Amino acid sequence: MEGYSEQAQSLLDLLTEQEVLQLRKHHPFKVDRNEKIRELHRRGVAQYVIAEICGMRRETVGRICNPEQYADQA
């Protein structure tokens, strides 16, 4: 895949094709996608790298990774 930052490309090289498809913005099973996003974040992947791979805004990935932080603002 081309057009990704060095960090994103390194992560893409480690993920399976199925995992990459699961991370996409328009994945039909959002619960599964969000859990994979949280897993990567818990393992130390920066939110901006996840956002780049998913095709989402950083703020959206932040809400997925830290839902309790955003619950009070709703």
Protein backbone atom coordinates (compact mmCIF):
# COMPACT_ATOMS: atom_id res chain seq x y z
CA MET A 1 0.00 0.00 0.00
CA GLU A 2 1.23 3.44 -0.82
CA GLY A 3 0.66 6.94 0.49
CA TYR A 4 0.97 6.12 4.18
CA SER A 5 3.38 7.54 6.73
CA GLU A 6 6.31 5.41 7.81
CA GLN A 7 4.58 4.46 11.08
CA ALA A 8 1.34 3.51 9.34
CA GLN A 9 3.19 1.48 6.73
CA SER A 10 5.09 -0.40 9.44
CA LEU A 11 1.80 -1.30 11.13
CA LEU A 12 0.20 -2.32 7.83
CA ASP A 13 3.11 -4.68 7.21
CA LEU A 14 2.38 -6.42 10.52
CA LEU A 15 -1.38 -6.74 10.11
CA THR A 16 -3.11 -9.42 8.09
CA GLU A 17 -5.26 -8.42 5.14
CA GLN A 18 -8.37 -9.37 7.15
CA GLU A 19 -7.31 -7.11 10.05
CA VAL A 20 -6.76 -4.19 7.69
CA LEU A 21 -10.22 -4.66 6.18
CA GLN A 22 -11.69 -4.83 9.70
CA LEU A 23 -10.17 -1.44 10.53
CA ARG A 24 -11.67 0.40 7.56
CA LYS A 25 -14.07 3.27 8.19
CA HIS A 26 -16.98 1.62 6.39
CA HIS A 27 -16.59 -1.86 7.89
CA PRO A 28 -20.15 -3.20 8.34
CA PHE A 29 -19.52 -4.52 11.87
CA LYS A 30 -18.63 -1.38 13.80
CA VAL A 31 -18.43 -3.15 17.17
CA ASP A 32 -15.71 -5.47 15.82
CA ARG A 33 -13.91 -2.57 14.15
CA ASN A 34 -13.97 -0.47 17.31
CA GLU A 35 -12.68 -3.34 19.43
CA LYS A 36 -9.75 -3.81 17.03
CA ILE A 37 -9.02 -0.08 17.24
CA ARG A 38 -9.03 -0.24 21.06
CA GLU A 39 -6.78 -3.31 21.00
CA LEU A 40 -4.19 -1.58 18.83
CA HIS A 41 -4.30 1.51 21.04
CA ARG A 42 -3.84 -0.60 24.19
CA ARG A 43 -0.83 -2.22 22.53
CA GLY A 44 0.76 1.20 22.03
CA VAL A 45 -0.21 2.31 18.53
CA ALA A 46 -0.73 6.07 18.35
CA GLN A 47 -4.23 7.27 17.60
CA TYR A 48 -3.11 9.31 14.59
CA VAL A 49 -1.61 6.17 13.02
CA ILE A 50 -4.83 4.23 13.59
CA ALA A 51 -6.82 7.12 12.14
CA GLU A 52 -4.62 7.18 9.04
CA ILE A 53 -5.15 3.47 8.41
CA CYS A 54 -8.88 3.55 9.15
CA GLY A 55 -9.62 6.64 7.10
CA MET A 56 -11.20 8.40 10.09
CA ARG A 57 -10.55 11.67 11.84
CA ARG A 58 -8.24 11.56 14.87
CA GLU A 59 -11.07 12.85 17.06
CA THR A 60 -13.26 9.91 16.07
CA VAL A 61 -10.53 7.42 16.92
CA GLY A 62 -10.03 9.26 20.22
CA ARG A 63 -13.71 8.81 21.06
CA ILE A 64 -13.49 5.10 20.27
CA CYS A 65 -10.32 4.63 22.36
CA ASN A 66 -11.47 6.74 25.34
CA PRO A 67 -15.28 6.64 25.44
CA GLU A 68 -15.51 7.59 29.14
CA GLN A 69 -13.61 10.82 28.45
CA TYR A 70 -16.27 11.91 25.95
CA ALA A 71 -19.34 10.62 27.85
CA ASP A 72 -19.53 13.72 30.07
CA GLN A 73 -19.41 16.06 27.08
CA ALA A 74 -22.40 14.48 25.31
